[in-house]
């Protein structure tokens, strides 16, 4: 299966840092920006999460909801409530 910009992603339900989400219900009528990183708590992870948090108002103004994906076994709840604290670019 391949997806392209503008395609509707398959629906799924998962645990997240904001609780359980169902993709289609959570997204509502917004665009969703999926991004991933190789492993939690690496330089790439912390800068991506931090920068995404810094741009929250910009995403919101464009009706976009960012959704970070990781295959790591660590819990991302460690980043809550403020991933910007971990961002080296701040």
Protein backbone atom coordinates (compact mmCIF):
# COMPACT_ATOMS: atom_id res chain seq x y z
CA UNK A 1 0.00 0.00 0.00
CA UNK A 2 1.31 3.43 -0.83
CA UNK A 3 -0.03 6.79 0.29
CA UNK A 4 0.40 10.13 -1.38
CA UNK A 5 -0.16 13.69 -0.22
CA UNK A 6 -3.90 14.26 -0.08
CA UNK A 7 -4.77 10.57 0.33
CA UNK A 8 -6.87 9.48 3.30
CA UNK A 9 -4.74 7.36 5.60
CA UNK A 10 -6.19 4.10 6.94
CA UNK A 11 -7.89 4.56 10.29
CA UNK A 12 -6.31 3.23 13.47
CA UNK A 13 -6.62 3.57 17.23
CA UNK A 14 -3.54 3.95 19.44
CA UNK A 15 -2.32 5.20 22.79
CA UNK A 16 -0.67 8.61 22.70
CA UNK A 17 0.68 11.29 25.01
CA UNK A 18 -2.85 12.78 25.05
CA UNK A 19 -4.58 9.45 25.68
CA UNK A 20 -6.11 6.98 23.24
CA UNK A 21 -6.85 8.42 19.83
CA UNK A 22 -8.75 7.17 16.81
CA UNK A 23 -7.05 8.80 13.83
CA UNK A 24 -10.13 9.78 11.85
CA UNK A 25 -12.05 11.05 14.89
CA UNK A 26 -9.00 12.94 16.20
CA UNK A 27 -8.22 14.49 12.81
CA UNK A 28 -11.81 15.63 12.23
CA UNK A 29 -11.65 17.99 9.23
CA UNK A 30 -7.95 18.85 9.66
CA UNK A 31 -4.92 17.90 7.64
CA UNK A 32 -2.58 15.58 9.54
CA UNK A 33 1.20 15.97 9.38
CA UNK A 34 2.75 12.57 10.15
CA UNK A 35 6.41 12.65 11.07
CA UNK A 36 8.67 9.97 12.46
CA UNK A 37 12.09 9.64 13.96
CA UNK A 38 14.52 6.74 14.35
CA UNK A 39 14.44 6.38 18.14
CA UNK A 40 13.16 8.24 21.19
CA UNK A 41 15.52 10.48 23.16
CA UNK A 42 18.03 10.83 20.33
CA UNK A 43 19.16 14.23 18.99
CA UNK A 44 16.85 13.83 15.98
CA UNK A 45 13.87 12.97 18.16
CA UNK A 46 14.31 15.82 20.62
CA UNK A 47 14.81 18.47 17.94
CA UNK A 48 11.85 17.25 15.83
CA UNK A 49 9.50 17.10 18.81
CA UNK A 50 10.69 20.44 20.14
CA UNK A 51 10.48 22.24 16.82
CA UNK A 52 7.04 20.81 16.10
CA UNK A 53 5.87 22.11 19.49
CA UNK A 54 7.35 25.54 18.74
CA UNK A 55 5.38 25.65 15.48
CA UNK A 56 2.06 24.64 17.09
CA UNK A 57 0.42 28.00 16.32
CA UNK A 58 1.56 27.85 12.69
CA UNK A 59 0.14 24.35 12.27
CA UNK A 60 -3.12 25.39 13.92
CA UNK A 61 -3.46 28.45 11.66
CA UNK A 62 -3.28 26.09 8.68
CA UNK A 63 -5.74 23.54 10.12
CA UNK A 64 -2.95 20.96 10.49
CA UNK A 65 -2.51 18.52 13.38
CA UNK A 66 1.01 17.09 13.77
CA UNK A 67 1.29 13.43 14.77
CA UNK A 68 4.74 12.10 15.67
CA UNK A 69 5.38 8.41 15.18
CA UNK A 70 8.05 6.24 16.74
CA UNK A 71 8.81 2.54 16.80
CA UNK A 72 10.83 2.94 19.99
CA UNK A 73 9.74 1.06 23.08
CA UNK A 74 10.20 4.09 25.36
CA UNK A 75 7.19 6.13 26.43
CA UNK A 76 6.97 9.58 24.87
CA UNK A 77 4.98 10.80 27.88
CA UNK A 78 8.35 11.89 29.25
CA UNK A 79 8.09 14.83 26.83
CA UNK A 80 4.84 16.05 28.38
CA UNK A 81 3.81 18.71 29.06
CA UNK A 82 6.44 20.73 27.16
CA UNK A 83 8.61 19.17 24.45
CA UNK A 84 10.06 22.63 23.71
CA UNK A 85 12.22 22.28 26.83
CA UNK A 86 14.11 19.50 25.07
CA UNK A 87 14.70 21.47 21.87
CA UNK A 88 18.30 22.52 21.34
CA UNK A 89 17.12 25.12 18.78
CA UNK A 90 15.16 27.08 21.39
